Amino acid sequence: MANHKATKKDVRQSAKRNARNRYYGKTTRNAIRDIRAIEEPAAASEKLPSVASMIDKLARRGTIHKNKASNLKRKLALRVNALATK
């Protein structure tokens, strides 16, 4: 374990950031799962902007890579558009 005061603080801050990132990541994954389960085009297109915003926030915070965020949003948009044309 760390012996320096600053290192102990850094460990505390790291644990807090880790918990926050895990919470936001899990919340976003649940939102993605929920939007994939929607079969109604209107409901899916209504929920898409909020889920895309959550994904963007994860990328901005550095929790996920910006390319992963882009890929997730692209796949969700394709799914919602496929529902609309069905």
Protein backbone atom coordinates (compact mmCIF):
# COMPACT_ATOMS: atom_id res chain seq x y z
CA MET A 1 0.00 0.00 0.00
CA ALA A 2 1.09 3.56 -0.62
CA ASN A 3 2.88 5.47 2.11
CA HIS A 4 2.87 8.99 0.71
CA LYS A 5 -0.03 11.27 1.44
CA ALA A 6 -0.45 12.29 -2.22
CA THR A 7 -0.35 8.68 -3.37
CA LYS A 8 -3.06 7.71 -0.89
CA LYS A 9 -5.20 10.55 -2.21
CA ASP A 10 -4.57 9.40 -5.77
CA VAL A 11 -5.74 5.89 -4.84
CA ARG A 12 -8.94 7.33 -3.35
CA GLN A 13 -9.58 9.48 -6.41
CA SER A 14 -8.91 6.58 -8.75
CA ALA A 15 -11.38 4.36 -6.90
CA LYS A 16 -14.02 7.08 -7.05
CA ARG A 17 -13.49 7.63 -10.78
CA ASN A 18 -13.55 3.89 -11.40
CA ALA A 19 -16.88 3.51 -9.60
CA ARG A 20 -18.35 6.44 -11.52
CA ASN A 21 -17.16 5.09 -14.86
CA ARG A 22 -18.55 1.64 -14.07
CA TYR A 23 -21.93 3.15 -13.16
CA TYR A 24 -22.22 5.25 -16.32
CA GLY A 25 -20.93 2.41 -18.48
CA LYS A 26 -23.43 -0.08 -17.08
CA THR A 27 -26.29 2.41 -17.36
CA THR A 28 -25.44 3.03 -21.00
CA ARG A 29 -25.13 -0.68 -21.75
CA ASN A 30 -28.58 -1.24 -20.24
CA ALA A 31 -30.01 1.58 -22.38
CA ILE A 32 -28.45 0.04 -25.49
CA ARG A 33 -29.90 -3.35 -24.57
CA ASP A 34 -33.34 -1.79 -24.07
CA ILE A 35 -33.33 0.07 -27.38
CA ARG A 36 -32.28 -3.10 -29.21
CA ALA A 37 -35.24 -4.93 -27.68
CA ILE A 38 -37.77 -2.35 -28.93
CA GLU A 39 -39.78 -3.58 -31.91
CA GLU A 40 -41.83 -0.41 -32.44
CA PRO A 41 -40.21 2.10 -34.86
CA ALA A 42 -41.66 5.23 -33.25
CA ALA A 43 -40.50 4.29 -29.76
CA ALA A 44 -37.04 3.31 -30.97
CA SER A 45 -36.52 6.53 -32.95
CA GLU A 46 -37.71 8.55 -29.96
CA LYS A 47 -35.21 6.90 -27.63
CA LEU A 48 -32.25 6.92 -30.04
CA PRO A 49 -31.06 10.53 -29.41
CA SER A 50 -30.87 10.05 -25.65
CA VAL A 51 -28.93 6.79 -25.97
CA ALA A 52 -26.58 8.35 -28.53
CA SER A 53 -26.00 11.20 -26.10
CA MET A 54 -25.12 8.73 -23.32
CA ILE A 55 -22.63 7.01 -25.64
CA ASP A 56 -21.07 10.36 -26.59
CA LYS A 57 -20.65 11.26 -22.92
CA LEU A 58 -18.79 8.00 -22.27
CA ALA A 59 -16.43 8.75 -25.15
CA ARG A 60 -15.92 12.34 -23.99
CA ARG A 61 -15.04 11.15 -20.48
CA GLY A 62 -12.63 8.59 -21.90
CA THR A 63 -14.56 5.62 -20.52
CA ILE A 64 -14.81 4.15 -24.01
CA HIS A 65 -12.85 4.93 -27.17
CA LYS A 66 -14.36 7.45 -29.60
CA ASN A 67 -14.33 4.88 -32.42
CA LYS A 68 -16.23 2.39 -30.28
CA ALA A 69 -18.79 5.08 -29.53
CA SER A 70 -19.12 5.80 -33.23
CA ASN A 71 -19.56 2.12 -34.04
CA LEU A 72 -22.21 1.69 -31.34
CA LYS A 73 -24.19 4.69 -32.56
CA ARG A 74 -23.94 3.51 -36.16
CA LYS A 75 -25.25 0.04 -35.33
CA LEU A 76 -28.12 1.46 -33.29
CA ALA A 77 -29.06 3.87 -36.09
CA LEU A 78 -29.04 1.03 -38.62
CA ARG A 79 -31.31 -1.03 -36.36
CA VAL A 80 -33.75 1.84 -35.83
CA ASN A 81 -33.82 2.64 -39.56
CA ALA A 82 -34.40 -1.04 -40.38
CA LEU A 83 -37.40 -1.03 -38.04
CA ALA A 84 -38.76 2.08 -39.73
CA THR A 85 -38.58 0.56 -43.21
CA LYS A 86 -40.07 -2.76 -42.13
